Amino acid sequence: MFTLDKIKQAHSKVKSGADFPQYVQDLIKLGIIHYNTYVKDGHTVYWGSDNYRVQSPAVYEPKTIADKGDKSSFIHHLNAHQAGETDYPTFCSQCAQDGVEKWVVDMVEMTCTYFDKTEHNMLEEEIPVP
């Protein structure tokens, strides 16, 4: 089964959003089926088969998530991040400002879905295969 150390090794290769598709492939190889990342403090919960679950600690000091989601601003920030124009900490701060509470990555469906505080789906993307 996967461990936080193995996940950290895979994540160490990620420099920007442009590296995300390969990161997902690396996590699939570890046996991860899906994961949720919470923008408030950056912790992530990873799931594998048979409800096996690992949770990472907080990555940064808590951020305030905007009460109302701003989809157009979020899409602008996401596109910039995916183009390699912003680093992960900057992207997380922008997500908080745009009202993104979490994102859910589903390795079976190969989707990444972003949610606001009310669990409203702000955006669902297909994850490209590198």
N, C-alpha and C. Protein backbone atom coordinates (compact mmCIF):
# COMPACT_ATOMS: atom_id res chain seq x y z
N MET A 1 0.83 -1.19 0.00
CA MET A 1 0.00 0.00 0.00
C MET A 1 0.87 1.25 0.00
N PHE A 2 0.28 2.34 -0.37
CA PHE A 2 1.00 3.60 -0.44
C PHE A 2 1.19 4.21 0.95
N THR A 3 2.19 5.06 1.05
CA THR A 3 2.50 5.76 2.29
C THR A 3 2.66 7.25 1.98
N LEU A 4 2.64 8.06 3.03
CA LEU A 4 2.88 9.49 2.82
C LEU A 4 4.26 9.73 2.23
N ASP A 5 5.24 8.95 2.63
CA ASP A 5 6.59 9.12 2.08
C ASP A 5 6.62 8.88 0.57
N LYS A 6 5.93 7.83 0.11
CA LYS A 6 5.89 7.55 -1.33
C LYS A 6 5.14 8.65 -2.08
N ILE A 7 4.08 9.18 -1.47
CA ILE A 7 3.32 10.27 -2.08
C ILE A 7 4.20 11.52 -2.16
N LYS A 8 4.95 11.81 -1.09
CA LYS A 8 5.84 12.97 -1.09
C LYS A 8 6.90 12.84 -2.18
N GLN A 9 7.41 11.64 -2.40
CA GLN A 9 8.40 11.42 -3.47
C GLN A 9 7.79 11.77 -4.83
N ALA A 10 6.57 11.33 -5.06
CA ALA A 10 5.91 11.63 -6.33
C ALA A 10 5.66 13.13 -6.45
N HIS A 11 5.25 13.75 -5.35
CA HIS A 11 4.93 15.19 -5.37
C HIS A 11 6.18 16.04 -5.54
N SER A 12 7.33 15.54 -5.13
CA SER A 12 8.57 16.33 -5.23
C SER A 12 8.93 16.63 -6.68
N LYS A 13 8.38 15.89 -7.62
CA LYS A 13 8.65 16.12 -9.05
C LYS A 13 7.77 17.23 -9.63
N VAL A 14 6.75 17.65 -8.88
CA VAL A 14 5.80 18.64 -9.38
C VAL A 14 6.33 20.05 -9.12
N LYS A 15 6.51 20.80 -10.19
CA LYS A 15 6.99 22.18 -10.08
C LYS A 15 5.88 23.19 -10.35
N SER A 16 4.90 22.79 -11.16
CA SER A 16 3.77 23.67 -11.48
C SER A 16 2.59 22.79 -11.91
N GLY A 17 1.48 23.45 -12.22
CA GLY A 17 0.30 22.72 -12.68
C GLY A 17 0.54 21.95 -13.96
N ALA A 18 1.56 22.34 -14.72
CA ALA A 18 1.86 21.63 -15.96
C ALA A 18 2.31 20.20 -15.69
N ASP A 19 2.80 19.93 -14.47
CA ASP A 19 3.28 18.59 -14.10
C ASP A 19 2.18 17.70 -13.54
N PHE A 20 0.99 18.23 -13.39
CA PHE A 20 -0.10 17.51 -12.74
C PHE A 20 -0.47 16.19 -13.40
N PRO A 21 -0.62 16.12 -14.73
CA PRO A 21 -1.00 14.83 -15.34
C PRO A 21 -0.01 13.69 -15.02
N GLN A 22 1.27 13.99 -15.03
CA GLN A 22 2.26 12.95 -14.72
C GLN A 22 2.19 12.57 -13.24
N TYR A 23 1.94 13.55 -12.38
CA TYR A 23 1.78 13.30 -10.94
C TYR A 23 0.63 12.32 -10.70
N VAL A 24 -0.48 12.53 -11.39
CA VAL A 24 -1.63 11.63 -11.25
C VAL A 24 -1.24 10.22 -11.67
N GLN A 25 -0.50 10.09 -12.75
CA GLN A 25 -0.06 8.76 -13.19
C GLN A 25 0.83 8.11 -12.14
N ASP A 26 1.71 8.89 -11.51
CA ASP A 26 2.57 8.35 -10.46
C ASP A 26 1.74 7.88 -9.25
N LEU A 27 0.69 8.62 -8.92
CA LEU A 27 -0.17 8.22 -7.80
C LEU A 27 -0.97 6.95 -8.13
N ILE A 28 -1.40 6.83 -9.36
CA ILE A 28 -2.11 5.62 -9.79
C ILE A 28 -1.20 4.40 -9.59
N LYS A 29 0.06 4.54 -9.96
CA LYS A 29 1.02 3.44 -9.80
C LYS A 29 1.19 3.05 -8.34
N LEU A 30 0.98 4.01 -7.43
CA LEU A 30 1.08 3.73 -6.00
C LEU A 30 -0.17 3.02 -5.47
N GLY A 31 -1.26 3.04 -6.24
CA GLY A 31 -2.50 2.39 -5.80
C GLY A 31 -3.55 3.36 -5.29
N ILE A 32 -3.37 4.64 -5.53
CA ILE A 32 -4.35 5.63 -5.09
C ILE A 32 -5.49 5.68 -6.10
N ILE A 33 -6.72 5.64 -5.57
CA ILE A 33 -7.92 5.65 -6.40
C ILE A 33 -8.49 7.06 -6.53
N HIS A 34 -8.48 7.80 -5.43
CA HIS A 34 -8.90 9.21 -5.47
C HIS A 34 -8.35 9.93 -4.25
N TYR A 35 -8.36 11.26 -4.34
CA TYR A 35 -7.94 12.05 -3.19
C TYR A 35 -8.66 13.39 -3.17
N ASN A 36 -8.77 13.95 -1.97
CA ASN A 36 -9.36 15.26 -1.76
C ASN A 36 -8.30 16.17 -1.15
N THR A 37 -8.11 17.35 -1.73
CA THR A 37 -7.22 18.35 -1.17
C THR A 37 -8.06 19.51 -0.68
N TYR A 38 -7.81 19.94 0.57
CA TYR A 38 -8.57 21.00 1.21
C TYR A 38 -7.75 22.28 1.22
N VAL A 39 -8.28 23.33 0.59
CA VAL A 39 -7.55 24.58 0.40
C VAL A 39 -7.29 25.28 1.73
N LYS A 40 -8.15 25.11 2.70
CA LYS A 40 -7.99 25.83 3.97
C LYS A 40 -6.58 25.70 4.54
N ASP A 41 -6.06 24.47 4.59
CA ASP A 41 -4.72 24.28 5.15
C ASP A 41 -3.83 23.37 4.31
N GLY A 42 -4.34 22.93 3.17
CA GLY A 42 -3.55 22.13 2.24
C GLY A 42 -3.45 20.65 2.55
N HIS A 43 -4.16 20.18 3.59
CA HIS A 43 -4.08 18.74 3.85
C HIS A 43 -4.84 17.96 2.78
N THR A 44 -4.41 16.74 2.58
CA THR A 44 -5.02 15.89 1.56
C THR A 44 -5.32 14.52 2.16
N VAL A 45 -6.45 13.96 1.76
CA VAL A 45 -6.83 12.61 2.15
C VAL A 45 -6.79 11.74 0.88
N TYR A 46 -6.01 10.67 0.94
CA TYR A 46 -5.82 9.76 -0.19
C TYR A 46 -6.51 8.43 0.12
N TRP A 47 -7.22 7.89 -0.88
CA TRP A 47 -7.90 6.60 -0.72
C TRP A 47 -7.36 5.58 -1.72
N GLY A 48 -7.25 4.35 -1.23
CA GLY A 48 -6.89 3.22 -2.08
C GLY A 48 -7.99 2.18 -1.99
N SER A 49 -7.68 0.97 -2.38
CA SER A 49 -8.68 -0.10 -2.34
C SER A 49 -8.98 -0.49 -0.90
N ASP A 50 -10.14 -1.14 -0.69
CA ASP A 50 -10.59 -1.60 0.62
C ASP A 50 -10.64 -0.49 1.65
N ASN A 51 -11.00 0.72 1.21
CA ASN A 51 -11.10 1.90 2.09
C ASN A 51 -9.81 2.26 2.80
N TYR A 52 -8.68 1.79 2.27
CA TYR A 52 -7.38 2.19 2.82
C TYR A 52 -7.25 3.70 2.63
N ARG A 53 -6.83 4.40 3.68
CA ARG A 53 -6.81 5.86 3.65
C ARG A 53 -5.58 6.38 4.37
N VAL A 54 -4.99 7.42 3.80
CA VAL A 54 -3.85 8.11 4.42
C VAL A 54 -4.15 9.60 4.33
N GLN A 55 -3.89 10.32 5.43
CA GLN A 55 -4.12 11.76 5.43
C GLN A 55 -2.81 12.49 5.71
N SER A 56 -2.53 13.48 4.90
CA SER A 56 -1.33 14.29 5.11
C SER A 56 -1.64 15.38 6.14
N PRO A 57 -0.60 15.88 6.79
CA PRO A 57 -0.80 17.00 7.71
C PRO A 57 -1.05 18.30 6.93
N ALA A 58 -1.42 19.34 7.65
CA ALA A 58 -1.57 20.66 7.04
C ALA A 58 -0.25 21.07 6.40
N VAL A 59 -0.34 21.78 5.29
CA VAL A 59 0.84 22.21 4.55
C VAL A 59 1.21 23.65 4.87
N TYR A 60 0.21 24.44 5.24
CA TYR A 60 0.42 25.86 5.50
C TYR A 60 -0.59 26.34 6.54
N GLU A 61 -0.37 27.57 7.01
CA GLU A 61 -1.30 28.18 7.97
C GLU A 61 -2.68 28.30 7.32
N PRO A 62 -3.73 28.18 8.13
CA PRO A 62 -5.09 28.21 7.56
C PRO A 62 -5.38 29.49 6.77
N LYS A 63 -6.05 29.29 5.65
CA LYS A 63 -6.50 30.39 4.80
C LYS A 63 -8.01 30.54 4.96
N THR A 64 -8.48 31.74 4.75
CA THR A 64 -9.91 31.99 4.75
C THR A 64 -10.44 31.77 3.35
N ILE A 65 -11.43 30.92 3.24
CA ILE A 65 -12.05 30.63 1.94
C ILE A 65 -13.20 31.61 1.73
N ALA A 66 -13.21 32.28 0.59
CA ALA A 66 -14.30 33.21 0.27
C ALA A 66 -15.64 32.48 0.35
N ASP A 67 -16.64 33.16 0.86
CA ASP A 67 -17.96 32.54 1.01
C ASP A 67 -18.63 32.24 -0.32
N LYS A 68 -18.36 33.07 -1.30
CA LYS A 68 -19.00 32.89 -2.61
C LYS A 68 -17.93 32.57 -3.64
N GLY A 69 -18.17 31.54 -4.42
CA GLY A 69 -17.23 31.15 -5.45
C GLY A 69 -17.25 32.10 -6.64
N ASP A 70 -16.07 32.39 -7.16
CA ASP A 70 -15.93 33.23 -8.35
C ASP A 70 -15.33 32.36 -9.45
N LYS A 71 -16.20 31.74 -10.22
CA LYS A 71 -15.77 30.76 -11.21
C LYS A 71 -14.87 31.37 -12.29
N SER A 72 -15.20 32.54 -12.79
CA SER A 72 -14.40 33.12 -13.87
C SER A 72 -12.99 33.47 -13.38
N SER A 73 -12.88 34.02 -12.19
CA SER A 73 -11.56 34.33 -11.63
C SER A 73 -10.78 33.04 -11.38
N PHE A 74 -11.48 32.04 -10.86
CA PHE A 74 -10.83 30.76 -10.60
C PHE A 74 -10.29 30.14 -11.89
N ILE A 75 -11.08 30.14 -12.94
CA ILE A 75 -10.63 29.56 -14.21
C ILE A 75 -9.40 30.30 -14.73
N HIS A 76 -9.39 31.61 -14.59
CA HIS A 76 -8.22 32.40 -15.00
C HIS A 76 -6.98 31.95 -14.22
N HIS A 77 -7.12 31.82 -12.89
CA HIS A 77 -5.99 31.41 -12.05
C HIS A 77 -5.57 29.96 -12.35
N LEU A 78 -6.54 29.10 -12.58
CA LEU A 78 -6.23 27.70 -12.89
C LEU A 78 -5.47 27.59 -14.21
N ASN A 79 -5.92 28.32 -15.21
CA ASN A 79 -5.24 28.29 -16.51
C ASN A 79 -3.79 28.77 -16.38
N ALA A 80 -3.58 29.82 -15.61
CA ALA A 80 -2.23 30.33 -15.39
C ALA A 80 -1.38 29.28 -14.68
N HIS A 81 -1.95 28.63 -13.69
CA HIS A 81 -1.21 27.60 -12.94
C HIS A 81 -0.88 26.41 -13.84
N GLN A 82 -1.83 25.98 -14.62
CA GLN A 82 -1.59 24.84 -15.51
C GLN A 82 -0.57 25.16 -16.60
N ALA A 83 -0.42 26.43 -16.91
CA ALA A 83 0.58 26.84 -17.90
C ALA A 83 1.96 27.01 -17.26
N GLY A 84 2.05 26.76 -15.94
CA GLY A 84 3.33 26.87 -15.26
C GLY A 84 3.68 28.28 -14.82
N GLU A 85 2.69 29.19 -14.82
CA GLU A 85 2.95 30.59 -14.48
C GLU A 85 2.92 30.87 -12.97
N THR A 86 2.36 29.95 -12.18
CA THR A 86 2.31 30.15 -10.73
C THR A 86 2.75 28.88 -10.03
N ASP A 87 3.26 29.04 -8.82
CA ASP A 87 3.64 27.88 -8.01
C ASP A 87 2.43 27.43 -7.19
N TYR A 88 2.58 26.31 -6.52
CA TYR A 88 1.48 25.73 -5.76
C TYR A 88 0.97 26.64 -4.63
N PRO A 89 1.85 27.24 -3.82
CA PRO A 89 1.35 28.12 -2.76
C PRO A 89 0.53 29.29 -3.31
N THR A 90 0.98 29.86 -4.40
CA THR A 90 0.23 30.96 -5.02
C THR A 90 -1.12 30.48 -5.50
N PHE A 91 -1.14 29.34 -6.16
CA PHE A 91 -2.41 28.78 -6.65
C PHE A 91 -3.38 28.53 -5.50
N CYS A 92 -2.91 27.98 -4.39
CA CYS A 92 -3.78 27.72 -3.24
C CYS A 92 -4.36 29.02 -2.67
N SER A 93 -3.54 30.06 -2.60
CA SER A 93 -4.04 31.36 -2.12
C SER A 93 -5.10 31.91 -3.06
N GLN A 94 -4.87 31.76 -4.36
CA GLN A 94 -5.86 32.22 -5.34
C GLN A 94 -7.15 31.41 -5.24
N CYS A 95 -7.03 30.11 -5.02
CA CYS A 95 -8.22 29.26 -4.85
C CYS A 95 -9.05 29.76 -3.66
N ALA A 96 -8.39 30.06 -2.55
CA ALA A 96 -9.10 30.55 -1.36
C ALA A 96 -9.84 31.84 -1.68
N GLN A 97 -9.17 32.76 -2.38
CA GLN A 97 -9.80 34.03 -2.75
C GLN A 97 -10.98 33.81 -3.69
N ASP A 98 -10.87 32.79 -4.53
CA ASP A 98 -11.93 32.50 -5.51
C ASP A 98 -13.05 31.63 -4.95
N GLY A 99 -12.94 31.24 -3.68
CA GLY A 99 -14.00 30.48 -3.04
C GLY A 99 -13.93 28.98 -3.24
N VAL A 100 -12.78 28.46 -3.65
CA VAL A 100 -12.62 27.01 -3.82
C VAL A 100 -12.28 26.41 -2.45
N GLU A 101 -13.13 25.51 -1.97
CA GLU A 101 -12.88 24.88 -0.68
C GLU A 101 -12.00 23.64 -0.81
N LYS A 102 -12.22 22.88 -1.89
CA LYS A 102 -11.45 21.64 -2.08
C LYS A 102 -11.50 21.24 -3.54
N TRP A 103 -10.59 20.32 -3.88
CA TRP A 103 -10.70 19.64 -5.16
C TRP A 103 -10.60 18.15 -4.93
N VAL A 104 -11.29 17.41 -5.78
CA VAL A 104 -11.36 15.96 -5.69
C VAL A 104 -10.80 15.40 -7.00
N VAL A 105 -9.78 14.56 -6.87
CA VAL A 105 -9.17 13.93 -8.04
C VAL A 105 -9.59 12.47 -8.04
N ASP A 106 -10.23 12.06 -9.12
CA ASP A 106 -10.74 10.70 -9.28
C ASP A 106 -9.90 10.01 -10.35
N MET A 107 -9.08 9.05 -9.92
CA MET A 107 -8.19 8.38 -10.85
C MET A 107 -8.90 7.35 -11.72
N VAL A 108 -10.10 6.94 -11.35
CA VAL A 108 -10.86 6.01 -12.16
C VAL A 108 -11.52 6.76 -13.32
N GLU A 109 -12.18 7.87 -12.99
CA GLU A 109 -12.84 8.69 -14.02
C GLU A 109 -11.86 9.64 -14.71
N MET A 110 -10.67 9.81 -14.13
CA MET A 110 -9.65 10.75 -14.62
C MET A 110 -10.22 12.17 -14.70
N THR A 111 -10.78 12.60 -13.56
CA THR A 111 -11.31 13.95 -13.45
C THR A 111 -10.76 14.64 -12.21
N CYS A 112 -10.75 15.96 -12.28
CA CYS A 112 -10.44 16.80 -11.12
C CYS A 112 -11.60 17.78 -11.01
N THR A 113 -12.29 17.74 -9.87
CA THR A 113 -13.47 18.57 -9.68
C THR A 113 -13.23 19.52 -8.51
N TYR A 114 -13.53 20.79 -8.72
CA TYR A 114 -13.33 21.84 -7.72
C TYR A 114 -14.68 22.23 -7.14
N PHE A 115 -14.73 22.33 -5.80
CA PHE A 115 -15.98 22.61 -5.10
C PHE A 115 -15.85 23.87 -4.25
N ASP A 116 -16.97 24.58 -4.10
CA ASP A 116 -17.01 25.71 -3.17
C ASP A 116 -17.50 25.23 -1.81
N LYS A 117 -17.72 26.15 -0.89
CA LYS A 117 -18.11 25.80 0.48
C LYS A 117 -19.46 25.08 0.57
N THR A 118 -20.32 25.30 -0.42
CA THR A 118 -21.64 24.66 -0.40
C THR A 118 -21.65 23.33 -1.15
N GLU A 119 -20.44 22.82 -1.48
CA GLU A 119 -20.29 21.57 -2.25
C GLU A 119 -20.79 21.73 -3.68
N HIS A 120 -20.93 22.98 -4.13
CA HIS A 120 -21.30 23.23 -5.52
C HIS A 120 -20.09 22.96 -6.40
N ASN A 121 -20.31 22.22 -7.46
CA ASN A 121 -19.26 21.90 -8.43
C ASN A 121 -18.96 23.16 -9.23
N MET A 122 -17.79 23.77 -8.98
CA MET A 122 -17.40 24.98 -9.70
C MET A 122 -16.84 24.65 -11.08
N LEU A 123 -16.15 23.51 -11.17
CA LEU A 123 -15.55 23.12 -12.43
C LEU A 123 -15.11 21.66 -12.33
N GLU A 124 -15.35 20.93 -13.41
CA GLU A 124 -14.84 19.57 -13.51
C GLU A 124 -14.02 19.47 -14.79
N GLU A 125 -12.80 18.98 -14.64
CA GLU A 125 -11.90 18.84 -15.78
C GLU A 125 -11.51 17.40 -15.97
N GLU A 126 -11.29 17.02 -17.22
CA GLU A 126 -10.68 15.73 -17.48
C GLU A 126 -9.18 15.88 -17.30
N ILE A 127 -8.55 14.88 -16.72
CA ILE A 127 -7.11 14.89 -16.53
C ILE A 127 -6.48 14.28 -17.79
N PRO A 128 -5.65 15.05 -18.47
CA PRO A 128 -5.01 14.47 -19.66
C PRO A 128 -4.00 13.40 -19.30
N VAL A 129 -3.86 12.44 -20.16
CA VAL A 129 -2.84 11.41 -19.96
C VAL A 129 -1.59 11.89 -20.65
N PRO A 130 -0.46 11.94 -19.91
CA PRO A 130 0.77 12.46 -20.52
C PRO A 130 1.31 11.55 -21.61
